[in-house]
Amino acid sequence: MTRTLGAAGELAIASLIERAPLASSLAQAFKAQGFSLALVGGSVRDALLGRLGNDLDFTTNAKPQESKKILQSWAENIWDTGIEFGTVAGKRGETTVEVTTYRTESYDPESRKPEVVYGENIEGDLSRRDFTVNSMALELTEDKPKFIDPFNGIGDLSKKVLRTPTKAENSFSDDPLRMMRAARFASQLGFDIAPDVLVAMKEMASRISIISAERVREEFVKTLMSNNPRTGIAILVETGIADIVIPEIPKLRLEIDEHHHHKDVYEHSITVLEQAIAHEDRLGGPNLIIRLSALLHDIGKPKTRNLIDGGGVSFHHHEIVGARLAKQRLKALRFDGDTIEQVETLIALHLRFHGYGDGEWTDSAVRRYVRDAGDLLVHLHVLTRADCTTRNARKAARLAAVYDGLESRIEVLMQEEELSKIRPDLDGAQVMKLLGIKPSADVGRALDYLLELRLENGPLGQEKATEELMKWWSAK
């Protein structure tokens, strides 16, 4: 349905002119070659919500190679990595555009890639989109802009509800990743999911298994990095999708019986995630590493759960088991090696603070805490503080005060000893010269010994370090 512009369309146009003045020049470039161009999908939705950014999505009746030629003359640089799927992208100034040929697409039941067929009109293109709020368009190449809304997306936008343009089962069969997008948009936009859409997600959850790990990862990350990840994660868990894409999370919902009491580990983990987000300013803003670590920090508990006679539950070494499980899951989701290593390290270390409040930590223990955390020390501070979810205000205040003490102690030692640069007091060349040896395993062992002395006693100085090295060597 092509609607008159109306108040909604006028708002979208005003937002577009204000935030993306280059859109009209791009439309004119397509019009000059005899093609139509329309702002589409999330860009129209965000324009209507007053949150349009510098990344704009367009659809056109021009074929991909024709779009590429036009963009080559309009943009400062272009890339066509998505041309196989009908998309060509370009950038001019601060504005990035993606132009996609009208298309319909669907997945073969066993395929991980969509089969792309180019469409003949914009209405057909809009019908294959994920949700009605993303199935609106602003046609920009006619005499006056036209607001195109065949599925009443503007109505659903005003109601803050996610519906599919066609029957939900058909939409999710065409592209199962749309089920994860529903969870993501619920988190990002604060929208509800229509009841029939939720039912279809539950019934078709297993269909997500045909989607590549990389695409699943990207949707999961977008949900996790939203302002309200709790909502999206809860939807993934409740629909059964999480059982397939990240099963460690629903497994945190451990049974609680009347004799063996313990916290709801799932709820605790979500709360830790939210509390970590509240401290992200210490990390410079939204941070994927801390969010992954907070969400996954207790996933070792189901495997280490042990019922204690007389009541109670223990989870011995769950941090070690959890670090291993997190590494396995993040590898399966094709996260990069640095991300995996950092999350694994934080989960393995997240219990190290416990016991500090007993007053038994020596300077040596503090040095090792800093050494083991390395560049992730502030992340570990954030995770450890977030891991306190007790409702006992007095206990929470005491734990916070104790950790304040640890951070202050670290700061003092940092200033006195440059803890962030802990190294042996002698380097490898000095060790070889003093011991009269060539590069070998003995050099590494000598440096390890000197590092242990440094951690235990603080800076030794070269003279004392030489003396200790010679004693160690003569005793070998």
Foldseek 3Di string as FASTA:
>chain_A
DWDACPPQNVQLVVLCCVAPVCVLVLQVLQVVVPKWKKFFFPQSLCSSVSNHHQETEMEIQDFLVVSVVSQVVVAPDWDCPPSVQQWIWGHHDSHIYIYGYQWAWFDDLQAQDIDIDGDDDLQSSLLLDLWQLRSWIWTNNDPDIITDRPQPNVVCSVVQETDHSDQLLVNCRRPVCSLLVNLLCCQAVVGYYDPSNLVSLLVCLVSCVSHALQSVVVSLLSLLQHPGNVSSVVSCLVSVNCCRQPVLLVLLQDDADPFADDDSRNVLLSQLLVQLQVVCVLVVHRDSLLNLLSNQLQSLQVVQWDADPRYYIDRPQSLLVSLVSQLVSCVSSVDDPVSNVLSSLLSNCLCVCPPVVVVPDDQLNLLVNCVSCAPNNVSSLSSNLSSDPDPPVVVNVSVVVSSVVSVVVNVVCCVVAVSNPQFFLDDLVVLCVLVVHDDDVVSVVLRVVSSSCCSVPNDDHPVRSSVVSVVVVVVD
